[in-house]
C-alpha atoms as a PDB file:
ATOM      1  CA  MET A   1      74.400  76.433 122.351  1.00  0.00           C
ATOM      2  CA  ASP A   2      73.513  75.025 125.829  1.00  0.00           C
ATOM      3  CA  ALA A   3      75.039  71.912 127.673  1.00  0.00           C
ATOM      4  CA  ILE A   4      72.565  69.464 126.600  1.00  0.00           C
ATOM      5  CA  THR A   5      72.772  70.382 123.048  1.00  0.00           C
ATOM      6  CA  GLY A   6      76.406  69.828 122.791  1.00  0.00           C
ATOM      7  CA  PHE A   7      76.368  66.653 124.852  1.00  0.00           C
ATOM      8  CA  CYS A   8      73.318  65.435 122.681  1.00  0.00           C
ATOM      9  CA  GLN A   9      75.435  66.189 119.501  1.00  0.00           C
ATOM     10  CA  THR A  10      78.361  64.494 120.127  1.00  0.00           C
ATOM     11  CA  LEU A  11      77.290  60.611 121.879  1.00  0.00           C
ATOM     12  CA  ARG A  12      76.888  58.051 119.720  1.00  0.00           C
ATOM     13  CA  PRO A  13      74.397  55.114 119.877  1.00  0.00           C
ATOM     14  CA  ARG A  14      74.827  51.537 121.127  1.00  0.00           C
ATOM     15  CA  SER A  15      73.521  49.299 123.519  1.00  0.00           C
ATOM     16  CA  LEU A  16      76.499  49.629 125.770  1.00  0.00           C
ATOM     17  CA  VAL A  17      77.898  50.688 128.982  1.00  0.00           C
ATOM     18  CA  ILE A  18      80.251  53.424 129.268  1.00  0.00           C
ATOM     19  CA  GLY A  19      82.346  54.064 132.296  1.00  0.00           C
ATOM     20  CA  ASP A  20      85.034  56.548 131.770  1.00  0.00           C
ATOM     21  CA  HIS A  21      85.309  59.862 130.518  1.00  0.00           C
ATOM     22  CA  GLN A  22      87.453  63.103 129.733  1.00  0.00           C
ATOM     23  CA  PRO A  23      86.371  66.422 131.400  1.00  0.00           C
ATOM     24  CA  PRO A  24      83.915  68.059 129.015  1.00  0.00           C
ATOM     25  CA  LYS A  25      84.440  71.248 126.600  1.00  0.00           C
ATOM     26  CA  LEU A  26      80.883  71.917 126.002  1.00  0.00           C
ATOM     27  CA  SER A  27      81.517  74.788 124.016  1.00  0.00           C
ATOM     28  CA  THR A  28      83.024  72.406 120.910  1.00  0.00           C
ATOM     29  CA  PRO A  29      80.223  70.375 119.926  1.00  0.00           C
ATOM     30  CA  LYS A  30      81.782  67.992 117.841  1.00  0.00           C
ATOM     31  CA  ARG A  31      84.249  66.615 120.177  1.00  0.00           C
ATOM     32  CA  THR A  32      83.028  64.008 122.583  1.00  0.00           C
ATOM     33  CA  VAL A  33      82.347  65.184 126.007  1.00  0.00           C
ATOM     34  CA  SER A  34      81.877  63.874 129.338  1.00  0.00           C
ATOM     35  CA  LEU A  35      78.650  62.443 130.713  1.00  0.00           C
ATOM     36  CA  LEU A  36      80.159  63.521 134.071  1.00  0.00           C
ATOM     37  CA  SER A  37      78.993  67.047 132.905  1.00  0.00           C
ATOM     38  CA  LEU A  38      75.183  66.217 133.644  1.00  0.00           C
ATOM     39  CA  TYR A  39      76.377  65.713 137.246  1.00  0.00           C
ATOM     40  CA  LYS A  40      77.739  69.326 137.490  1.00  0.00           C
ATOM     41  CA  ASN A  41      75.690  71.566 135.132  1.00  0.00           C
ATOM     42  CA  GLN A  42      72.081  70.411 135.202  1.00  0.00           C
ATOM     43  CA  LYS A  43      69.720  73.326 135.809  1.00  0.00           C
ATOM     44  CA  SER A  44      68.047  72.100 139.251  1.00  0.00           C
ATOM     45  CA  LYS A  45      68.037  72.057 142.725  1.00  0.00           C
ATOM     46  CA  THR A  46      70.380  68.944 142.490  1.00  0.00           C
ATOM     47  CA  LYS A  47      73.054  71.228 140.335  1.00  0.00           C
ATOM     48  CA  LEU A  48      76.408  70.859 142.323  1.00  0.00           C
ATOM     49  CA  THR A  49      77.214  74.394 144.072  1.00  0.00           C
ATOM     50  CA  LEU A  50      79.910  75.456 146.161  1.00  0.00           C
ATOM     51  CA  SER A  51      78.129  78.288 147.961  1.00  0.00           C
ATOM     52  CA  SER A  52      78.355  76.807 150.949  1.00  0.00           C
ATOM     53  CA  MET A  53      81.994  76.943 150.909  1.00  0.00           C
ATOM     54  CA  THR A  54      82.125  80.684 150.397  1.00  0.00           C
ATOM     55  CA  ALA A  55      82.061  81.952 154.211  1.00  0.00           C
ATOM     56  CA  PRO A  56      85.363  83.495 154.987  1.00  0.00           C
ATOM     57  CA  LEU A  57      87.628  81.805 157.230  1.00  0.00           C
ATOM     58  CA  GLN A  58      90.841  82.984 159.261  1.00  0.00           C
ATOM     59  CA  VAL A  59      93.494  82.227 156.718  1.00  0.00           C
ATOM     60  CA  SER A  60      96.353  83.716 155.107  1.00  0.00           C
ATOM     61  CA  ALA A  61      97.430  83.894 151.436  1.00  0.00           C
ATOM     62  CA  PHE A  62     100.804  82.639 150.440  1.00  0.00           C
ATOM     63  CA  SER A  63     102.750  82.438 147.062  1.00  0.00           C
ATOM     64  CA  THR A  64     104.711  79.900 148.864  1.00  0.00           C
ATOM     65  CA  ILE A  65     103.911  78.070 152.054  1.00  0.00           C
ATOM     66  CA  GLY A  66     105.720  79.813 155.245  1.00  0.00           C
ATOM     67  CA  ALA A  67     106.942  82.969 153.119  1.00  0.00           C
ATOM     68  CA  ARG A  68     105.742  86.406 153.123  1.00  0.00           C
ATOM     69  CA  ASN A  69     103.155  87.086 150.769  1.00  0.00           C
ATOM     70  CA  GLU A  70     104.051  90.517 149.146  1.00  0.00           C
ATOM     71  CA  GLU A  71     100.617  91.446 148.265  1.00  0.00           C
ATOM     72  CA  SER A  72      98.891  90.755 151.649  1.00  0.00           C
ATOM     73  CA  GLY A  73     101.805  91.563 153.963  1.00  0.00           C
ATOM     74  CA  THR A  74     101.003  88.265 155.913  1.00  0.00           C
ATOM     75  CA  ALA A  75     103.388  85.527 157.153  1.00  0.00           C
ATOM     76  CA  SER A  76     102.826  81.934 158.141  1.00  0.00           C
ATOM     77  CA  SER A  77     103.778  80.806 161.351  1.00  0.00           C
ATOM     78  CA  GLY A  78     105.447  77.779 159.628  1.00  0.00           C
ATOM     79  CA  LEU A  79     103.447  75.217 162.146  1.00  0.00           C
ATOM     80  CA  VAL A  80     101.238  72.251 160.404  1.00  0.00           C
ATOM     81  CA  GLY A  81      98.340  70.582 162.104  1.00  0.00           C
ATOM     82  CA  GLU A  82      97.868  66.983 163.138  1.00  0.00           C
ATOM     83  CA  ASN A  83      95.066  67.247 160.606  1.00  0.00           C
ATOM     84  CA  ASP A  84      96.054  69.858 158.145  1.00  0.00           C
ATOM     85  CA  LEU A  85      95.581  68.984 154.433  1.00  0.00           C
ATOM     86  CA  LEU A  86      97.438  69.780 151.082  1.00  0.00           C
ATOM     87  CA  ILE A  87      95.040  69.550 147.989  1.00  0.00           C
ATOM     88  CA  VAL A  88      97.281  69.781 144.720  1.00  0.00           C
ATOM     89  CA  GLY A  89      94.976  71.006 142.099  1.00  0.00           C
ATOM     90  CA  PRO A  90      91.779  72.589 144.228  1.00  0.00           C
ATOM     91  CA  GLY A  91      89.363  72.496 141.198  1.00  0.00           C
ATOM     92  CA  VAL A  92      85.615  71.395 141.647  1.00  0.00           C
ATOM     93  CA  LEU A  93      86.715  67.921 143.095  1.00  0.00           C
ATOM     94  CA  GLY A  94      89.399  69.761 145.643  1.00  0.00           C
ATOM     95  CA  ARG A  95      87.154  72.355 146.624  1.00  0.00           C
ATOM     96  CA  LEU A  96      84.468  69.898 147.694  1.00  0.00           C
ATOM     97  CA  VAL A  97      87.074  67.704 149.585  1.00  0.00           C
ATOM     98  CA  ALA A  98      88.004  71.022 151.368  1.00  0.00           C
ATOM     99  CA  GLU A  99      84.801  71.592 152.545  1.00  0.00           C
ATOM    100  CA  LYS A 100      84.048  67.901 153.588  1.00  0.00           C
ATOM    101  CA  TRP A 101      87.491  67.690 155.353  1.00  0.00           C
ATOM    102  CA  ARG A 102      87.008  70.848 157.380  1.00  0.00           C
ATOM    103  CA  GLN A 103      83.601  69.492 158.405  1.00  0.00           C
ATOM    104  CA  GLU A 104      85.370  66.389 159.739  1.00  0.00           C
ATOM    105  CA  HIS A 105      88.286  68.172 161.468  1.00  0.00           C
ATOM    106  CA  PRO A 106      87.273  71.860 162.419  1.00  0.00           C
ATOM    107  CA  GLY A 107      90.257  74.191 163.079  1.00  0.00           C
ATOM    108  CA  CYS A 108      92.191  72.446 160.378  1.00  0.00           C
ATOM    109  CA  GLN A 109      94.326  74.326 157.944  1.00  0.00           C
ATOM    110  CA  VAL A 110      93.561  73.518 154.281  1.00  0.00           C
ATOM    111  CA  TYR A 111      96.223  74.479 151.358  1.00  0.00           C
ATOM    112  CA  GLY A 112      95.983  74.475 147.845  1.00  0.00           C
ATOM    113  CA  GLN A 113      98.548  74.266 145.453  1.00  0.00           C
ATOM    114  CA  THR A 114      97.735  75.544 141.927  1.00  0.00           C
ATOM    115  CA  VAL A 115      99.548  76.005 138.297  1.00  0.00           C
ATOM    116  CA  THR A 116      98.379  79.867 138.209  1.00  0.00           C
ATOM    117  CA  THR A 117      97.276  82.466 140.600  1.00  0.00           C
ATOM    118  CA  ASP A 118      94.411  83.007 138.776  1.00  0.00           C
ATOM    119  CA  HIS A 119      91.997  81.570 141.464  1.00  0.00           C
ATOM    120  CA  HIS A 120      93.730  82.335 144.647  1.00  0.00           C
ATOM    121  CA  ASP A 121      91.200  85.221 145.483  1.00  0.00           C
ATOM    122  CA  GLU A 122      88.592  82.247 145.427  1.00  0.00           C
ATOM    123  CA  LEU A 123      90.694  79.777 147.407  1.00  0.00           C
ATOM    124  CA  ILE A 124      91.186  82.351 150.226  1.00  0.00           C
ATOM    125  CA  LYS A 125      87.612  83.066 150.464  1.00  0.00           C
ATOM    126  CA  MET A 126      86.599  79.381 150.757  1.00  0.00           C
ATOM    127  CA  GLY A 127      89.260  79.083 153.584  1.00  0.00           C
ATOM    128  CA  ILE A 128      91.945  77.376 151.258  1.00  0.00           C
ATOM    129  CA  ASN A 129      95.490  78.780 151.489  1.00  0.00           C
ATOM    130  CA  PRO A 130      97.043  78.656 148.320  1.00  0.00           C
ATOM    131  CA  SER A 131     100.442  78.395 146.967  1.00  0.00           C
ATOM    132  CA  LEU A 132     102.145  77.906 143.524  1.00  0.00           C
ATOM    133  CA  LYS A 133     103.248  74.721 141.669  1.00  0.00           C
ATOM    134  CA  GLY A 134     107.128  74.908 141.170  1.00  0.00           C
ATOM    135  CA  ILE A 135     107.906  77.074 144.221  1.00  0.00           C
ATOM    136  CA  LYS A 136     109.735  74.811 146.853  1.00  0.00           C
ATOM    137  CA  ALA A 137     107.579  74.135 149.784  1.00  0.00           C
ATOM    138  CA  THR A 138     108.862  74.555 153.091  1.00  0.00           C
ATOM    139  CA  GLN A 139     106.334  72.390 154.770  1.00  0.00           C
ATOM    140  CA  GLN A 140     105.281  68.634 154.854  1.00  0.00           C
ATOM    141  CA  TYR A 141     101.829  67.539 155.550  1.00  0.00           C
ATOM    142  CA  PRO A 142     100.236  64.922 157.494  1.00  0.00           C
ATOM    143  CA  TYR A 143      96.997  64.534 154.417  1.00  0.00           C
ATOM    144  CA  VAL A 144      97.793  65.071 151.079  1.00  0.00           C
ATOM    145  CA  ILE A 145      95.207  64.685 148.140  1.00  0.00           C
ATOM    146  CA  PHE A 146      96.246  64.835 144.360  1.00  0.00           C
ATOM    147  CA  CYS A 147      93.411  66.215 142.187  1.00  0.00           C
ATOM    148  CA  ALA A 148      95.075  67.810 139.270  1.00  0.00           C
ATOM    149  CA  PRO A 149      94.315  66.556 135.558  1.00  0.00           C
ATOM    150  CA  PRO A 150      97.404  65.455 133.560  1.00  0.00           C
ATOM    151  CA  SER A 151      96.337  68.142 130.413  1.00  0.00           C
ATOM    152  CA  ARG A 152      98.260  70.986 132.139  1.00  0.00           C
ATOM    153  CA  THR A 153     101.882  69.534 132.398  1.00  0.00           C
ATOM    154  CA  SER A 154     104.748  67.818 130.227  1.00  0.00           C
ATOM    155  CA  ASP A 155     105.592  65.543 133.329  1.00  0.00           C
ATOM    156  CA  TYR A 156     102.489  64.054 135.317  1.00  0.00           C
ATOM    157  CA  PRO A 157     104.288  61.257 137.220  1.00  0.00           C
ATOM    158  CA  GLY A 158     106.981  63.947 138.390  1.00  0.00           C
ATOM    159  CA  ASP A 159     104.165  66.238 139.381  1.00  0.00           C
ATOM    160  CA  VAL A 160     102.678  63.575 141.388  1.00  0.00           C
ATOM    161  CA  ARG A 161     106.238  62.706 142.745  1.00  0.00           C
ATOM    162  CA  GLU A 162     106.681  66.139 144.224  1.00  0.00           C
ATOM    163  CA  ALA A 163     103.414  65.772 145.732  1.00  0.00           C
ATOM    164  CA  ALA A 164     104.372  62.379 147.569  1.00  0.00           C
ATOM    165  CA  LEU A 165     107.609  64.747 148.800  1.00  0.00           C
ATOM    166  CA  SER A 166     105.018  67.007 150.579  1.00  0.00           C
ATOM    167  CA  TRP A 167     103.652  64.374 152.418  1.00  0.00           C
ATOM    168  CA  ASN A 168     105.139  63.537 156.109  1.00  0.00           C
ATOM    169  CA  GLY A 169     103.997  59.865 156.100  1.00  0.00           C
ATOM    170  CA  ASP A 170     101.673  60.226 159.158  1.00  0.00           C
ATOM    171  CA  GLY A 171      98.070  60.487 157.808  1.00  0.00           C
ATOM    172  CA  SER A 172      97.266  59.657 154.008  1.00  0.00           C
ATOM    173  CA  PHE A 173      97.971  60.423 150.472  1.00  0.00           C
ATOM    174  CA  VAL A 174      95.418  59.966 147.979  1.00  0.00           C
ATOM    175  CA  PHE A 175      95.654  60.352 144.119  1.00  0.00           C
ATOM    176  CA  THR A 176      92.742  60.597 142.298  1.00  0.00           C
ATOM    177  CA  SER A 177      92.601  58.945 139.088  1.00  0.00           C
ATOM    178  CA  SER A 178      90.201  57.461 136.433  1.00  0.00           C
ATOM    179  CA  SER A 179      88.967  54.216 135.598  1.00  0.00           C
ATOM    180  CA  ALA A 180      90.916  54.275 132.214  1.00  0.00           C
ATOM    181  CA  PRO A 181      93.535  51.766 133.076  1.00  0.00           C
ATOM    182  CA  PHE A 182      91.184  48.932 133.783  1.00  0.00           C
ATOM    183  CA  ASP A 183      91.684  46.580 130.764  1.00  0.00           C
ATOM    184  CA  CYS A 184      88.087  45.571 130.370  1.00  0.00           C
ATOM    185  CA  PHE A 185      85.860  46.854 127.456  1.00  0.00           C
ATOM    186  CA  ASP A 186      82.794  45.435 125.527  1.00  0.00           C
ATOM    187  CA  ASN A 187      80.321  45.924 128.368  1.00  0.00           C
ATOM    188  CA  GLY A 188      82.922  43.669 130.334  1.00  0.00           C
ATOM    189  CA  GLN A 189      82.635  43.185 134.422  1.00  0.00           C
ATOM    190  CA  CYS A 190      85.600  45.313 136.055  1.00  0.00           C
ATOM    191  CA  ASN A 191      86.358  45.909 139.744  1.00  0.00           C
ATOM    192  CA  GLU A 192      89.211  47.022 141.690  1.00  0.00           C
ATOM    193  CA  ASP A 193      91.193  43.893 141.275  1.00  0.00           C
ATOM    194  CA  SER A 194      90.821  43.667 137.329  1.00  0.00           C
ATOM    195  CA  PRO A 195      93.750  43.877 135.251  1.00  0.00           C
ATOM    196  CA  VAL A 196      95.224  46.995 133.525  1.00  0.00           C
ATOM    197  CA  VAL A 197      96.312  48.030 130.013  1.00  0.00           C
ATOM    198  CA  PRO A 198      99.545  47.147 129.454  1.00  0.00           C
ATOM    199  CA  ILE A 199     101.949  49.951 129.374  1.00  0.00           C
ATOM    200  CA  GLY A 200     102.915  51.028 125.486  1.00  0.00           C
ATOM    201  CA  ARG A 201      99.149  50.338 124.241  1.00  0.00           C
ATOM    202  CA  SER A 202      97.961  53.813 125.229  1.00  0.00           C
ATOM    203  CA  PRO A 203      99.622  56.976 126.038  1.00  0.00           C
ATOM    204  CA  ARG A 204      96.839  58.430 128.033  1.00  0.00           C
ATOM    205  CA  THR A 205      96.850  55.170 130.173  1.00  0.00           C
ATOM    206  CA  ASP A 206     100.398  54.971 130.587  1.00  0.00           C
ATOM    207  CA  VAL A 207     100.657  58.539 132.250  1.00  0.00           C
ATOM    208  CA  LEU A 208      98.117  57.426 134.757  1.00  0.00           C
ATOM    209  CA  LEU A 209      99.594  53.968 135.599  1.00  0.00           C
ATOM    210  CA  LYS A 210     102.821  55.852 136.035  1.00  0.00           C
ATOM    211  CA  ALA A 211     101.440  58.041 138.453  1.00  0.00           C
ATOM    212  CA  GLU A 212      99.945  55.659 139.989  1.00  0.00           C
ATOM    213  CA  LYS A 213     103.165  53.604 140.340  1.00  0.00           C
ATOM    214  CA  VAL A 214     104.602  56.942 142.140  1.00  0.00           C
ATOM    215  CA  VAL A 215     101.833  56.629 144.452  1.00  0.00           C
ATOM    216  CA  LEU A 216     101.705  53.217 145.297  1.00  0.00           C
ATOM    217  CA  GLU A 217     105.728  53.143 146.188  1.00  0.00           C
ATOM    218  CA  SER A 218     105.145  56.170 148.431  1.00  0.00           C
ATOM    219  CA  GLY A 219     102.691  54.431 150.516  1.00  0.00           C
ATOM    220  CA  GLY A 220      99.821  56.368 149.005  1.00  0.00           C
ATOM    221  CA  CYS A 221      96.634  55.215 147.658  1.00  0.00           C
ATOM    222  CA  ALA A 222      95.029  55.527 144.079  1.00  0.00           C
ATOM    223  CA  LEU A 223      91.244  56.091 143.772  1.00  0.00           C
ATOM    224  CA  ARG A 224      89.963  55.596 140.463  1.00  0.00           C
ATOM    225  CA  LEU A 225      86.781  57.834 139.538  1.00  0.00           C
ATOM    226  CA  ALA A 226      84.546  56.364 137.001  1.00  0.00           C
ATOM    227  CA  GLY A 227      83.102  59.289 135.216  1.00  0.00           C
ATOM    228  CA  LEU A 228      79.254  59.325 134.994  1.00  0.00           C
ATOM    229  CA  TYR A 229      79.106  56.640 137.352  1.00  0.00           C
ATOM    230  CA  ILE A 230      79.659  59.039 140.798  1.00  0.00           C
ATOM    231  CA  SER A 231      78.762  62.690 141.466  1.00  0.00           C
ATOM    232  CA  PHE A 232      81.614  65.030 142.489  1.00  0.00           C
ATOM    233  CA  SER A 233      80.100  65.005 145.905  1.00  0.00           C
ATOM    234  CA  ASP A 234      80.296  61.572 146.297  1.00  0.00           C
ATOM    235  CA  ALA A 235      83.778  61.343 144.757  1.00  0.00           C
ATOM    236  CA  ALA A 236      84.913  63.923 147.350  1.00  0.00           C
ATOM    237  CA  SER A 237      83.126  62.185 150.330  1.00  0.00           C
ATOM    238  CA  LEU A 238      84.843  58.815 149.207  1.00  0.00           C
ATOM    239  CA  ALA A 239      88.170  60.534 148.797  1.00  0.00           C
ATOM    240  CA  VAL A 240      87.558  61.928 152.495  1.00  0.00           C
ATOM    241  CA  ALA A 241      86.786  58.638 153.860  1.00  0.00           C
ATOM    242  CA  ILE A 242      89.641  56.957 152.214  1.00  0.00           C
ATOM    243  CA  LEU A 243      92.168  59.725 153.589  1.00  0.00           C
ATOM    244  CA  LYS A 244      90.587  59.513 157.204  1.00  0.00           C
ATOM    245  CA  LYS A 245      91.526  55.530 157.086  1.00  0.00           C
ATOM    246  CA  LYS A 246      95.295  56.192 156.888  1.00  0.00           C
ATOM    247  CA  LEU A 247      95.833  53.255 154.464  1.00  0.00           C
ATOM    248  CA  ARG A 248      98.887  52.402 152.546  1.00  0.00           C
ATOM    249  CA  SER A 249      99.564  51.316 148.833  1.00  0.00           C
ATOM    250  CA  GLN A 250      96.018  50.280 147.993  1.00  0.00           C
ATOM    251  CA  ILE A 251      93.985  50.838 144.674  1.00  0.00           C
ATOM    252  CA  PHE A 252      90.221  52.015 145.394  1.00  0.00           C
ATOM    253  CA  LEU A 253      87.052  52.405 142.902  1.00  0.00           C
ATOM    254  CA  GLY A 254      84.585  55.267 143.073  1.00  0.00           C
ATOM    255  CA  CYS A 255      81.342  54.477 141.302  1.00  0.00           C
ATOM    256  CA  ASP A 256      78.157  54.095 141.789  1.00  0.00           C
ATOM    257  CA  ASN A 257      77.836  50.175 140.675  1.00  0.00           C
ATOM    258  CA  HIS A 258      74.661  50.761 138.398  1.00  0.00           C
ATOM    259  CA  PRO A 259      76.182  50.946 134.893  1.00  0.00           C
ATOM    260  CA  LEU A 260      73.940  52.301 132.148  1.00  0.00           C
ATOM    261  CA  SER A 261      74.142  52.665 128.332  1.00  0.00           C
ATOM    262  CA  ARG A 262      74.182  55.981 126.405  1.00  0.00           C
ATOM    263  CA  GLN A 263      70.715  55.589 125.199  1.00  0.00           C
ATOM    264  CA  GLU A 264      69.556  54.704 128.702  1.00  0.00           C
ATOM    265  CA  VAL A 265      71.467  57.926 129.972  1.00  0.00           C
ATOM    266  CA  MET A 266      69.493  59.846 127.279  1.00  0.00           C
ATOM    267  CA  ASP A 267      65.992  58.261 128.250  1.00  0.00           C
ATOM    268  CA  LEU A 268      66.619  59.572 132.145  1.00  0.00           C
ATOM    269  CA  VAL A 269      67.773  62.987 131.074  1.00  0.00           C
ATOM    270  CA  ALA A 270      64.414  63.468 128.866  1.00  0.00           C
ATOM    271  CA  LYS A 271      62.529  62.151 131.680  1.00  0.00           C
ATOM    272  CA  SER A 272      63.950  64.301 134.522  1.00  0.00           C
ATOM    273  CA  GLY A 273      62.911  67.290 132.575  1.00  0.00           C
ATOM    274  CA  LYS A 274      65.492  69.450 133.790  1.00  0.00           C
ATOM    275  CA  PHE A 275      66.729  70.472 130.390  1.00  0.00           C
ATOM    276  CA  SER A 276      65.016  72.639 127.593  1.00  0.00           C
ATOM    277  CA  LYS A 277      66.606  71.140 124.700  1.00  0.00           C
ATOM    278  CA  LYS A 278      65.384  67.718 123.616  1.00  0.00           C
ATOM    279  CA  PHE A 279      67.658  65.118 122.324  1.00  0.00           C
ATOM    280  CA  VAL A 280      66.983  63.842 118.753  1.00  0.00           C
ATOM    281  CA  ALA A 281      69.527  61.225 117.723  1.00  0.00           C
ATOM    282  CA  PHE A 282      73.047  59.823 117.979  1.00  0.00           C
ATOM    283  CA  THR A 283      75.400  61.130 114.883  1.00  0.00           C
ATOM    284  CA  GLY A 284      77.251  57.594 114.589  1.00  0.00           C
ATOM    285  CA  THR A 285      78.114  53.992 115.942  1.00  0.00           C
ATOM    286  CA  SER A 286      82.057  53.978 116.073  1.00  0.00           C
ATOM    287  CA  ASP A 287      82.619  54.692 119.639  1.00  0.00           C
ATOM    288  CA  PRO A 288      84.083  51.829 121.697  1.00  0.00           C
ATOM    289  CA  LEU A 289      82.047  49.798 124.316  1.00  0.00           C
ATOM    290  CA  GLY A 290      82.756  50.610 128.006  1.00  0.00           C
ATOM    291  CA  LYS A 291      82.853  48.614 130.946  1.00  0.00           C
ATOM    292  CA  ARG A 292      80.713  47.576 133.896  1.00  0.00           C
ATOM    293  CA  LEU A 293      82.289  48.765 136.897  1.00  0.00           C
ATOM    294  CA  ASN A 294      81.457  47.570 140.534  1.00  0.00           C
ATOM    295  CA  ASN A 295      83.145  48.927 143.547  1.00  0.00           C
ATOM    296  CA  SER A 296      81.804  46.503 146.263  1.00  0.00           C
ATOM    297  CA  LYS A 297      85.228  45.770 147.635  1.00  0.00           C
ATOM    298  CA  THR A 298      85.842  49.643 148.302  1.00  0.00           C
ATOM    299  CA  ARG A 299      82.612  50.255 149.778  1.00  0.00           C
ATOM    300  CA  GLU A 300      83.308  47.247 152.372  1.00  0.00           C
ATOM    301  CA  GLU A 301      86.607  48.134 153.189  1.00  0.00           C
ATOM    302  CA  ILE A 302      86.261  51.876 153.462  1.00  0.00           C
ATOM    303  CA  GLY A 303      82.622  51.809 154.955  1.00  0.00           C
ATOM    304  CA  TRP A 304      81.406  54.166 152.255  1.00  0.00           C
ATOM    305  CA  GLU A 305      77.934  54.592 150.746  1.00  0.00           C
ATOM    306  CA  PRO A 306      77.129  57.105 147.816  1.00  0.00           C
ATOM    307  CA  LYS A 307      74.411  59.915 148.415  1.00  0.00           C
ATOM    308  CA  TYR A 308      73.068  59.132 144.837  1.00  0.00           C
ATOM    309  CA  PRO A 309      73.343  55.274 144.438  1.00  0.00           C
ATOM    310  CA  SER A 310      72.475  55.716 140.851  1.00  0.00           C
ATOM    311  CA  PHE A 311      72.293  58.333 138.207  1.00  0.00           C
ATOM    312  CA  ALA A 312      68.652  58.333 138.018  1.00  0.00           C
ATOM    313  CA  HIS A 313      68.621  59.100 141.827  1.00  0.00           C
ATOM    314  CA  PHE A 314      70.789  62.166 141.050  1.00  0.00           C
ATOM    315  CA  LEU A 315      68.252  63.152 138.479  1.00  0.00           C
ATOM    316  CA  GLY A 316      65.416  62.657 140.621  1.00  0.00           C
ATOM    317  CA  VAL A 317      63.541  60.179 138.759  1.00  0.00           C
ATOM    318  CA  SER A 318      64.320  56.942 140.399  1.00  0.00           C
ATOM    319  CA  LYS A 319      61.125  54.913 141.213  1.00  0.00           C
END
């Protein structure tokens, strides 16, 4: 079953707006999947790729920053540059942040902290110095961004606290979250200043809000990213723009300001002609309504605009 088949089988019909989604598991068709996968997986020229990030740079691989790596036989100088960046969770978003950060700061070092060593070879080829979570770091960094999901840890706020301790306080610390904490549904309008879900109502939002509290108390900033309504590339460019501002204890929102209903999403997908499978119908009507997100305040303060101003533009079907 390809991505669009699994995607279509799990959506439910409503004239509604959706604003936040969990990462997709396309191999499990009966589980709700993320519309963000359409930004990532479409078979077209707009498909997200990391090919431009594969050029090898002068880097060293470390099991822990500043220590000798037994396999490579290399050692760190122990020096941290004024523009060096630590990425906690260098997945799709984190790798794009690394690419854009190096474009802004040629010659800087980018470090990536992971849960396992499974992708360390890939990271090295991309110019990212890998390290393992749980090994005591010997350095602090002027710029830190946390991109790891809460799904692979039993203490997400604790992991965020450890990341905050890796920040030396000079540049910026940014935590990437989701728009789930906003307490607005049923097509409600939502922006950076909207109220959040009370602690105790939802385990998912509890974890995110507790993690955000750690970030804000440390002087870092939280960036809430809104599912379908921002591409990985635009999310990365916004994160980099916030990092460069060196702001303290603020909450920002990443979205395209063009909310859509599920039906409108599928109409655009069909119109794009980028998928071989055709959407037939929704399977139910029990999903909750979403939220209409607007990040005009973030755009004004950061001086940022998305490359793709809407999902239609991303698919190449805008008028």
